[in-house]
Amino acid sequence: MVLVALKCPQCDSENVARYGFYPNGKQRYICKNQECSRKIFLASYTNKAYDPKVKRQIFEQTVNGNGTRAIARSLGISKDTVTATLKKLKNS
């Protein structure tokens, strides 16, 4: 049996513990790093758009001048999802 160290997607801390299950049966994890702004996360996401890494890629590609349709094609998600994510980033 091989143990894989799980890292928090926000702060890359390995100080992570299991934190119950979502209703769909997926395992939740909690980051125990005090400085981390994101506490609860999943190890693997069903929908790509919920993954913080994909959101970061959307932001980076937008800054580099890519359009929403090009970003959607490259990441394999809907253009409406790209637009909604950008709107949420604009408000925060």
PDB file of N, CA and C in Angstrom:
ATOM      1  N   MET A   1       0.844  -1.182   0.000  1.00  0.00           N
ATOM      2  CA  MET A   1       0.000   0.000   0.000  1.00  0.00           C
ATOM      3  C   MET A   1       0.887   1.241   0.000  1.00  0.00           C
ATOM      4  N   VAL A   2       0.594   2.159  -0.888  1.00  0.00           N
ATOM      5  CA  VAL A   2       1.382   3.373  -1.025  1.00  0.00           C
ATOM      6  C   VAL A   2       0.557   4.553  -0.519  1.00  0.00           C
ATOM      7  N   LEU A   3       1.142   5.344   0.354  1.00  0.00           N
ATOM      8  CA  LEU A   3       0.468   6.542   0.845  1.00  0.00           C
ATOM      9  C   LEU A   3       0.950   7.745   0.047  1.00  0.00           C
ATOM     10  N   VAL A   4      -0.015   8.535  -0.439  1.00  0.00           N
ATOM     11  CA  VAL A   4       0.306   9.722  -1.203  1.00  0.00           C
ATOM     12  C   VAL A   4       0.011  10.924  -0.323  1.00  0.00           C
ATOM     13  N   ALA A   5       0.983  11.811  -0.169  1.00  0.00           N
ATOM     14  CA  ALA A   5       0.791  13.011   0.642  1.00  0.00           C
ATOM     15  C   ALA A   5      -0.155  13.957  -0.088  1.00  0.00           C
ATOM     16  N   LEU A   6      -1.234  14.307   0.567  1.00  0.00           N
ATOM     17  CA  LEU A   6      -2.226  15.210  -0.008  1.00  0.00           C
ATOM     18  C   LEU A   6      -1.893  16.622   0.425  1.00  0.00           C
ATOM     19  N   LYS A   7      -1.928  17.556  -0.530  1.00  0.00           N
ATOM     20  CA  LYS A   7      -1.618  18.953  -0.231  1.00  0.00           C
ATOM     21  C   LYS A   7      -2.849  19.808  -0.432  1.00  0.00           C
ATOM     22  N   CYS A   8      -2.934  20.864   0.348  1.00  0.00           N
ATOM     23  CA  CYS A   8      -4.014  21.833   0.203  1.00  0.00           C
ATOM     24  C   CYS A   8      -3.832  22.566  -1.133  1.00  0.00           C
ATOM     25  N   PRO A   9      -4.895  22.700  -1.940  1.00  0.00           N
ATOM     26  CA  PRO A   9      -4.745  23.382  -3.227  1.00  0.00           C
ATOM     27  C   PRO A   9      -4.486  24.883  -3.090  1.00  0.00           C
ATOM     28  N   GLN A  10      -4.802  25.456  -1.964  1.00  0.00           N
ATOM     29  CA  GLN A  10      -4.623  26.896  -1.769  1.00  0.00           C
ATOM     30  C   GLN A  10      -3.215  27.239  -1.284  1.00  0.00           C
ATOM     31  N   CYS A  11      -2.757  26.570  -0.233  1.00  0.00           N
ATOM     32  CA  CYS A  11      -1.484  26.958   0.396  1.00  0.00           C
ATOM     33  C   CYS A  11      -0.386  25.913   0.230  1.00  0.00           C
ATOM     34  N   ASP A  12      -0.667  24.778  -0.383  1.00  0.00           N
ATOM     35  CA  ASP A  12       0.282  23.675  -0.581  1.00  0.00           C
ATOM     36  C   ASP A  12       0.819  23.097   0.718  1.00  0.00           C
ATOM     37  N   SER A  13       0.075  23.222   1.792  1.00  0.00           N
ATOM     38  CA  SER A  13       0.460  22.652   3.068  1.00  0.00           C
ATOM     39  C   SER A  13       0.100  21.169   3.095  1.00  0.00           C
ATOM     40  N   GLU A  14       0.921  20.366   3.739  1.00  0.00           N
ATOM     41  CA  GLU A  14       0.628  18.949   3.896  1.00  0.00           C
ATOM     42  C   GLU A  14      -0.072  18.664   5.226  1.00  0.00           C
ATOM     43  N   ASN A  15      -0.402  19.690   5.967  1.00  0.00           N
ATOM     44  CA  ASN A  15      -1.101  19.558   7.242  1.00  0.00           C
ATOM     45  C   ASN A  15      -2.600  19.454   6.957  1.00  0.00           C
ATOM     46  N   VAL A  16      -3.020  18.271   6.476  1.00  0.00           N
ATOM     47  CA  VAL A  16      -4.377  18.034   6.004  1.00  0.00           C
ATOM     48  C   VAL A  16      -4.959  16.827   6.723  1.00  0.00           C
ATOM     49  N   ALA A  17      -6.261  16.879   7.016  1.00  0.00           N
ATOM     50  CA  ALA A  17      -6.940  15.747   7.656  1.00  0.00           C
ATOM     51  C   ALA A  17      -8.254  15.458   6.935  1.00  0.00           C
ATOM     52  N   ARG A  18      -8.733  14.237   7.066  1.00  0.00           N
ATOM     53  CA  ARG A  18     -10.039  13.902   6.491  1.00  0.00           C
ATOM     54  C   ARG A  18     -11.118  14.618   7.297  1.00  0.00           C
ATOM     55  N   TYR A  19     -12.212  15.004   6.596  1.00  0.00           N
ATOM     56  CA  TYR A  19     -13.231  15.829   7.239  1.00  0.00           C
ATOM     57  C   TYR A  19     -14.633  15.404   6.813  1.00  0.00           C
ATOM     58  N   GLY A  20     -14.911  14.123   6.817  1.00  0.00           N
ATOM     59  CA  GLY A  20     -16.248  13.632   6.499  1.00  0.00           C
ATOM     60  C   GLY A  20     -16.448  13.442   5.004  1.00  0.00           C
ATOM     61  N   PHE A  21     -17.729  13.312   4.618  1.00  0.00           N
ATOM     62  CA  PHE A  21     -18.094  13.050   3.235  1.00  0.00           C
ATOM     63  C   PHE A  21     -19.146  14.043   2.767  1.00  0.00           C
ATOM     64  N   TYR A  22     -19.152  14.332   1.472  1.00  0.00           N
ATOM     65  CA  TYR A  22     -20.235  15.090   0.848  1.00  0.00           C
ATOM     66  C   TYR A  22     -21.395  14.141   0.616  1.00  0.00           C
ATOM     67  N   PRO A  23     -22.605  14.654   0.366  1.00  0.00           N
ATOM     68  CA  PRO A  23     -23.752  13.776   0.131  1.00  0.00           C
ATOM     69  C   PRO A  23     -23.571  12.816  -1.056  1.00  0.00           C
ATOM     70  N   ASN A  24     -22.729  13.187  -2.030  1.00  0.00           N
ATOM     71  CA  ASN A  24     -22.505  12.303  -3.174  1.00  0.00           C
ATOM     72  C   ASN A  24     -21.480  11.210  -2.874  1.00  0.00           C
ATOM     73  N   GLY A  25     -20.953  11.182  -1.648  1.00  0.00           N
ATOM     74  CA  GLY A  25     -20.042  10.123  -1.238  1.00  0.00           C
ATOM     75  C   GLY A  25     -18.572  10.452  -1.357  1.00  0.00           C
ATOM     76  N   LYS A  26     -18.233  11.650  -1.826  1.00  0.00           N
ATOM     77  CA  LYS A  26     -16.816  12.022  -1.981  1.00  0.00           C
ATOM     78  C   LYS A  26     -16.226  12.439  -0.640  1.00  0.00           C
ATOM     79  N   GLN A  27     -14.969  12.066  -0.429  1.00  0.00           N
ATOM     80  CA  GLN A  27     -14.251  12.383   0.806  1.00  0.00           C
ATOM     81  C   GLN A  27     -13.881  13.863   0.845  1.00  0.00           C
ATOM     82  N   ARG A  28     -14.178  14.536   1.959  1.00  0.00           N
ATOM     83  CA  ARG A  28     -13.766  15.921   2.159  1.00  0.00           C
ATOM     84  C   ARG A  28     -12.491  15.943   2.985  1.00  0.00           C
ATOM     85  N   TYR A  29     -11.706  16.998   2.783  1.00  0.00           N
ATOM     86  CA  TYR A  29     -10.483  17.201   3.547  1.00  0.00           C
ATOM     87  C   TYR A  29     -10.476  18.616   4.094  1.00  0.00           C
ATOM     88  N   ILE A  30      -9.790  18.809   5.209  1.00  0.00           N
ATOM     89  CA  ILE A  30      -9.674  20.131   5.813  1.00  0.00           C
ATOM     90  C   ILE A  30      -8.191  20.473   5.961  1.00  0.00           C
ATOM     91  N   CYS A  31      -7.869  21.715   5.651  1.00  0.00           N
ATOM     92  CA  CYS A  31      -6.502  22.202   5.809  1.00  0.00           C
ATOM     93  C   CYS A  31      -6.376  22.759   7.220  1.00  0.00           C
ATOM     94  N   LYS A  32      -5.366  22.316   7.951  1.00  0.00           N
ATOM     95  CA  LYS A  32      -5.185  22.748   9.336  1.00  0.00           C
ATOM     96  C   LYS A  32      -4.167  23.869   9.478  1.00  0.00           C
ATOM     97  N   ASN A  33      -3.735  24.424   8.344  1.00  0.00           N
ATOM     98  CA  ASN A  33      -2.831  25.566   8.359  1.00  0.00           C
ATOM     99  C   ASN A  33      -3.630  26.815   8.750  1.00  0.00           C
ATOM    100  N   GLN A  34      -3.187  27.532   9.764  1.00  0.00           N
ATOM    101  CA  GLN A  34      -3.936  28.682  10.273  1.00  0.00           C
ATOM    102  C   GLN A  34      -3.994  29.838   9.281  1.00  0.00           C
ATOM    103  N   GLU A  35      -2.969  30.002   8.431  1.00  0.00           N
ATOM    104  CA  GLU A  35      -2.933  31.112   7.484  1.00  0.00           C
ATOM    105  C   GLU A  35      -3.704  30.830   6.197  1.00  0.00           C
ATOM    106  N   CYS A  36      -4.179  29.622   6.015  1.00  0.00           N
ATOM    107  CA  CYS A  36      -4.868  29.246   4.780  1.00  0.00           C
ATOM    108  C   CYS A  36      -6.268  29.853   4.747  1.00  0.00           C
ATOM    109  N   SER A  37      -6.615  30.474   3.612  1.00  0.00           N
ATOM    110  CA  SER A  37      -7.941  31.087   3.491  1.00  0.00           C
ATOM    111  C   SER A  37      -8.999  30.070   3.078  1.00  0.00           C
ATOM    112  N   ARG A  38      -8.585  28.975   2.469  1.00  0.00           N
ATOM    113  CA  ARG A  38      -9.527  27.938   2.050  1.00  0.00           C
ATOM    114  C   ARG A  38      -9.352  26.759   2.992  1.00  0.00           C
ATOM    115  N   LYS A  39     -10.412  26.335   3.627  1.00  0.00           N
ATOM    116  CA  LYS A  39     -10.286  25.281   4.630  1.00  0.00           C
ATOM    117  C   LYS A  39     -10.683  23.906   4.112  1.00  0.00           C
ATOM    118  N   ILE A  40     -11.857  23.776   3.489  1.00  0.00           N
ATOM    119  CA  ILE A  40     -12.376  22.467   3.096  1.00  0.00           C
ATOM    120  C   ILE A  40     -12.229  22.298   1.590  1.00  0.00           C
ATOM    121  N   PHE A  41     -11.770  21.106   1.157  1.00  0.00           N
ATOM    122  CA  PHE A  41     -11.583  20.846  -0.268  1.00  0.00           C
ATOM    123  C   PHE A  41     -11.719  19.359  -0.550  1.00  0.00           C
ATOM    124  N   LEU A  42     -11.773  19.022  -1.829  1.00  0.00           N
ATOM    125  CA  LEU A  42     -11.815  17.642  -2.297  1.00  0.00           C
ATOM    126  C   LEU A  42     -10.475  17.273  -2.905  1.00  0.00           C
ATOM    127  N   ALA A  43     -10.147  15.989  -2.899  1.00  0.00           N
ATOM    128  CA  ALA A  43      -8.911  15.531  -3.533  1.00  0.00           C
ATOM    129  C   ALA A  43      -9.057  15.535  -5.054  1.00  0.00           C
ATOM    130  N   SER A  44     -10.219  15.136  -5.555  1.00  0.00           N
ATOM    131  CA  SER A  44     -10.486  15.178  -6.999  1.00  0.00           C
ATOM    132  C   SER A  44     -11.919  15.661  -7.208  1.00  0.00           C
ATOM    133  N   TYR A  45     -12.086  16.548  -8.160  1.00  0.00           N
ATOM    134  CA  TYR A  45     -13.380  17.166  -8.405  1.00  0.00           C
ATOM    135  C   TYR A  45     -14.089  16.481  -9.565  1.00  0.00           C
ATOM    136  N   THR A  46     -15.415  16.319  -9.455  1.00  0.00           N
ATOM    137  CA  THR A  46     -16.206  15.741 -10.531  1.00  0.00           C
ATOM    138  C   THR A  46     -16.283  16.715 -11.692  1.00  0.00           C
ATOM    139  N   ASN A  47     -16.594  17.972 -11.395  1.00  0.00           N
ATOM    140  CA  ASN A  47     -16.647  19.014 -12.404  1.00  0.00           C
ATOM    141  C   ASN A  47     -15.335  19.772 -12.389  1.00  0.00           C
ATOM    142  N   LYS A  48     -14.726  19.929 -13.548  1.00  0.00           N
ATOM    143  CA  LYS A  48     -13.424  20.587 -13.641  1.00  0.00           C
ATOM    144  C   LYS A  48     -13.476  22.029 -13.158  1.00  0.00           C
ATOM    145  N   ALA A  49     -14.599  22.699 -13.368  1.00  0.00           N
ATOM    146  CA  ALA A  49     -14.673  24.133 -13.074  1.00  0.00           C
ATOM    147  C   ALA A  49     -14.573  24.429 -11.581  1.00  0.00           C
ATOM    148  N   TYR A  50     -14.846  23.482 -10.717  1.00  0.00           N
ATOM    149  CA  TYR A  50     -14.755  23.712  -9.276  1.00  0.00           C
ATOM    150  C   TYR A  50     -13.322  23.600  -8.760  1.00  0.00           C
ATOM    151  N   ASP A  51     -12.452  23.043  -9.559  1.00  0.00           N
ATOM    152  CA  ASP A  51     -11.062  22.853  -9.150  1.00  0.00           C
ATOM    153  C   ASP A  51     -10.338  24.198  -9.090  1.00  0.00           C
ATOM    154  N   PRO A  52      -9.723  24.542  -7.973  1.00  0.00           N
ATOM    155  CA  PRO A  52      -9.016  25.828  -7.866  1.00  0.00           C
ATOM    156  C   PRO A  52      -7.898  25.993  -8.891  1.00  0.00           C
ATOM    157  N   LYS A  53      -7.293  24.898  -9.321  1.00  0.00           N
ATOM    158  CA  LYS A  53      -6.237  24.986 -10.329  1.00  0.00           C
ATOM    159  C   LYS A  53      -6.803  25.452 -11.668  1.00  0.00           C
ATOM    160  N   VAL A  54      -8.005  24.986 -12.010  1.00  0.00           N
ATOM    161  CA  VAL A  54      -8.641  25.404 -13.260  1.00  0.00           C
ATOM    162  C   VAL A  54      -9.024  26.877 -13.180  1.00  0.00           C
ATOM    163  N   LYS A  55      -9.522  27.307 -12.027  1.00  0.00           N
ATOM    164  CA  LYS A  55      -9.859  28.720 -11.860  1.00  0.00           C
ATOM    165  C   LYS A  55      -8.623  29.599 -12.007  1.00  0.00           C
ATOM    166  N   ARG A  56      -7.507  29.143 -11.472  1.00  0.00           N
ATOM    167  CA  ARG A  56      -6.250  29.878 -11.603  1.00  0.00           C
ATOM    168  C   ARG A  56      -5.822  29.945 -13.062  1.00  0.00           C
ATOM    169  N   GLN A  57      -6.011  28.835 -13.807  1.00  0.00           N
ATOM    170  CA  GLN A  57      -5.660  28.815 -15.230  1.00  0.00           C
ATOM    171  C   GLN A  57      -6.561  29.751 -16.029  1.00  0.00           C
ATOM    172  N   ILE A  58      -7.840  29.829 -15.674  1.00  0.00           N
ATOM    173  CA  ILE A  58      -8.758  30.758 -16.342  1.00  0.00           C
ATOM    174  C   ILE A  58      -8.263  32.181 -16.163  1.00  0.00           C
ATOM    175  N   PHE A  59      -7.897  32.535 -14.942  1.00  0.00           N
ATOM    176  CA  PHE A  59      -7.408  33.882 -14.667  1.00  0.00           C
ATOM    177  C   PHE A  59      -6.120  34.166 -15.435  1.00  0.00           C
ATOM    178  N   GLU A  60      -5.175  33.240 -15.407  1.00  0.00           N
ATOM    179  CA  GLU A  60      -3.894  33.439 -16.079  1.00  0.00           C
ATOM    180  C   GLU A  60      -4.065  33.581 -17.587  1.00  0.00           C
ATOM    181  N   GLN A  61      -4.931  32.769 -18.186  1.00  0.00           N
ATOM    182  CA  GLN A  61      -5.140  32.850 -19.628  1.00  0.00           C
ATOM    183  C   GLN A  61      -5.858  34.145 -20.009  1.00  0.00           C
ATOM    184  N   THR A  62      -6.733  34.634 -19.138  1.00  0.00           N
ATOM    185  CA  THR A  62      -7.407  35.903 -19.406  1.00  0.00           C
ATOM    186  C   THR A  62      -6.412  37.054 -19.370  1.00  0.00           C
ATOM    187  N   VAL A  63      -5.518  37.034 -18.398  1.00  0.00           N
ATOM    188  CA  VAL A  63      -4.495  38.073 -18.292  1.00  0.00           C
ATOM    189  C   VAL A  63      -3.591  38.057 -19.528  1.00  0.00           C
ATOM    190  N   ASN A  64      -3.345  36.865 -20.078  1.00  0.00           N
ATOM    191  CA  ASN A  64      -2.502  36.743 -21.262  1.00  0.00           C
ATOM    192  C   ASN A  64      -3.228  37.107 -22.554  1.00  0.00           C
ATOM    193  N   GLY A  65      -4.510  37.435 -22.475  1.00  0.00           N
ATOM    194  CA  GLY A  65      -5.234  37.930 -23.640  1.00  0.00           C
ATOM    195  C   GLY A  65      -6.068  36.910 -24.376  1.00  0.00           C
ATOM    196  N   ASN A  66      -6.258  35.721 -23.828  1.00  0.00           N
ATOM    197  CA  ASN A  66      -7.103  34.723 -24.484  1.00  0.00           C
ATOM    198  C   ASN A  66      -8.569  35.061 -24.264  1.00  0.00           C
ATOM    199  N   GLY A  67      -9.400  34.747 -25.242  1.00  0.00           N
ATOM    200  CA  GLY A  67     -10.837  34.947 -25.124  1.00  0.00           C
ATOM    201  C   GLY A  67     -11.500  33.812 -24.376  1.00  0.00           C
ATOM    202  N   THR A  68     -12.762  34.011 -24.012  1.00  0.00           N
ATOM    203  CA  THR A  68     -13.476  33.000 -23.226  1.00  0.00           C
ATOM    204  C   THR A  68     -13.654  31.699 -23.998  1.00  0.00           C
ATOM    205  N   ARG A  69     -13.908  31.792 -25.305  1.00  0.00           N
ATOM    206  CA  ARG A  69     -14.092  30.564 -26.087  1.00  0.00           C
ATOM    207  C   ARG A  69     -12.792  29.788 -26.219  1.00  0.00           C
ATOM    208  N   ALA A  70     -11.690  30.491 -26.389  1.00  0.00           N
ATOM    209  CA  ALA A  70     -10.387  29.816 -26.488  1.00  0.00           C
ATOM    210  C   ALA A  70     -10.019  29.152 -25.161  1.00  0.00           C
ATOM    211  N   ILE A  71     -10.303  29.828 -24.063  1.00  0.00           N
ATOM    212  CA  ILE A  71     -10.031  29.263 -22.744  1.00  0.00           C
ATOM    213  C   ILE A  71     -10.876  28.014 -22.520  1.00  0.00           C
ATOM    214  N   ALA A  72     -12.163  28.099 -22.891  1.00  0.00           N
ATOM    215  CA  ALA A  72     -13.062  26.957 -22.721  1.00  0.00           C
ATOM    216  C   ALA A  72     -12.575  25.752 -23.522  1.00  0.00           C
ATOM    217  N   ARG A  73     -12.125  25.977 -24.746  1.00  0.00           N
ATOM    218  CA  ARG A  73     -11.624  24.872 -25.567  1.00  0.00           C
ATOM    219  C   ARG A  73     -10.368  24.262 -24.973  1.00  0.00           C
ATOM    220  N   SER A  74      -9.459  25.099 -24.502  1.00  0.00           N
ATOM    221  CA  SER A  74      -8.187  24.572 -23.998  1.00  0.00           C
ATOM    222  C   SER A  74      -8.349  23.810 -22.686  1.00  0.00           C
ATOM    223  N   LEU A  75      -9.310  24.220 -21.850  1.00  0.00           N
ATOM    224  CA  LEU A  75      -9.506  23.558 -20.554  1.00  0.00           C
ATOM    225  C   LEU A  75     -10.579  22.474 -20.581  1.00  0.00           C
ATOM    226  N   GLY A  76     -11.358  22.416 -21.657  1.00  0.00           N
ATOM    227  CA  GLY A  76     -12.398  21.399 -21.771  1.00  0.00           C
ATOM    228  C   GLY A  76     -13.618  21.676 -20.909  1.00  0.00           C
ATOM    229  N   ILE A  77     -13.949  22.967 -20.736  1.00  0.00           N
ATOM    230  CA  ILE A  77     -15.134  23.352 -19.969  1.00  0.00           C
ATOM    231  C   ILE A  77     -15.996  24.265 -20.825  1.00  0.00           C
ATOM    232  N   SER A  78     -17.184  24.595 -20.330  1.00  0.00           N
ATOM    233  CA  SER A  78     -18.122  25.436 -21.070  1.00  0.00           C
ATOM    234  C   SER A  78     -17.677  26.897 -21.065  1.00  0.00           C
ATOM    235  N   LYS A  79     -17.990  27.616 -22.163  1.00  0.00           N
ATOM    236  CA  LYS A  79     -17.650  29.044 -22.220  1.00  0.00           C
ATOM    237  C   LYS A  79     -18.477  29.832 -21.211  1.00  0.00           C
ATOM    238  N   ASP A  80     -19.672  29.351 -20.912  1.00  0.00           N
ATOM    239  CA  ASP A  80     -20.493  30.005 -19.897  1.00  0.00           C
ATOM    240  C   ASP A  80     -19.874  29.862 -18.510  1.00  0.00           C
ATOM    241  N   THR A  81     -19.227  28.733 -18.264  1.00  0.00           N
ATOM    242  CA  THR A  81     -18.535  28.525 -16.999  1.00  0.00           C
ATOM    243  C   THR A  81     -17.348  29.474 -16.877  1.00  0.00           C
ATOM    244  N   VAL A  82     -16.639  29.684 -17.969  1.00  0.00           N
ATOM    245  CA  VAL A  82     -15.506  30.618 -17.966  1.00  0.00           C
ATOM    246  C   VAL A  82     -16.003  32.022 -17.654  1.00  0.00           C
ATOM    247  N   THR A  83     -17.093  32.427 -18.298  1.00  0.00           N
ATOM    248  CA  THR A  83     -17.654  33.764 -18.070  1.00  0.00           C
ATOM    249  C   THR A  83     -18.111  33.932 -16.631  1.00  0.00           C
ATOM    250  N   ALA A  84     -18.800  32.937 -16.084  1.00  0.00           N
ATOM    251  CA  ALA A  84     -19.279  33.018 -14.704  1.00  0.00           C
ATOM    252  C   ALA A  84     -18.114  33.084 -13.717  1.00  0.00           C
ATOM    253  N   THR A  85     -17.055  32.324 -13.978  1.00  0.00           N
ATOM    254  CA  THR A  85     -15.886  32.344 -13.106  1.00  0.00           C
ATOM    255  C   THR A  85     -15.208  33.703 -13.137  1.00  0.00           C
ATOM    256  N   LEU A  86     -15.110  34.298 -14.323  1.00  0.00           N
ATOM    257  CA  LEU A  86     -14.495  35.626 -14.441  1.00  0.00           C
ATOM    258  C   LEU A  86     -15.328  36.693 -13.738  1.00  0.00           C
ATOM    259  N   LYS A  87     -16.647  36.570 -13.800  1.00  0.00           N
ATOM    260  CA  LYS A  87     -17.515  37.517 -13.099  1.00  0.00           C
ATOM    261  C   LYS A  87     -17.322  37.415 -11.584  1.00  0.00           C
ATOM    262  N   LYS A  88     -17.176  36.181 -11.087  1.00  0.00           N
ATOM    263  CA  LYS A  88     -16.951  36.002  -9.646  1.00  0.00           C
ATOM    264  C   LYS A  88     -15.592  36.555  -9.231  1.00  0.00           C
ATOM    265  N   LEU A  89     -14.584  36.385 -10.080  1.00  0.00           N
ATOM    266  CA  LEU A  89     -13.265  36.934  -9.772  1.00  0.00           C
ATOM    267  C   LEU A  89     -13.280  38.454  -9.773  1.00  0.00           C
ATOM    268  N   LYS A  90     -14.091  39.032 -10.660  1.00  0.00           N
ATOM    269  CA  LYS A  90     -14.193  40.495 -10.744  1.00  0.00           C
ATOM    270  C   LYS A  90     -14.803  41.069  -9.480  1.00  0.00           C
ATOM    271  N   ASN A  91     -15.783  40.382  -8.910  1.00  0.00           N
ATOM    272  CA  ASN A  91     -16.467  40.886  -7.711  1.00  0.00           C
ATOM    273  C   ASN A  91     -15.627  40.724  -6.449  1.00  0.00           C
ATOM    274  N   SER A  92     -14.689  39.790  -6.455  1.00  0.00           N
ATOM    275  CA  SER A  92     -13.915  39.550  -5.231  1.00  0.00           C
ATOM    276  C   SER A  92     -12.550  40.180  -5.260  1.00  0.00           C
TER     277      SER A  92
END
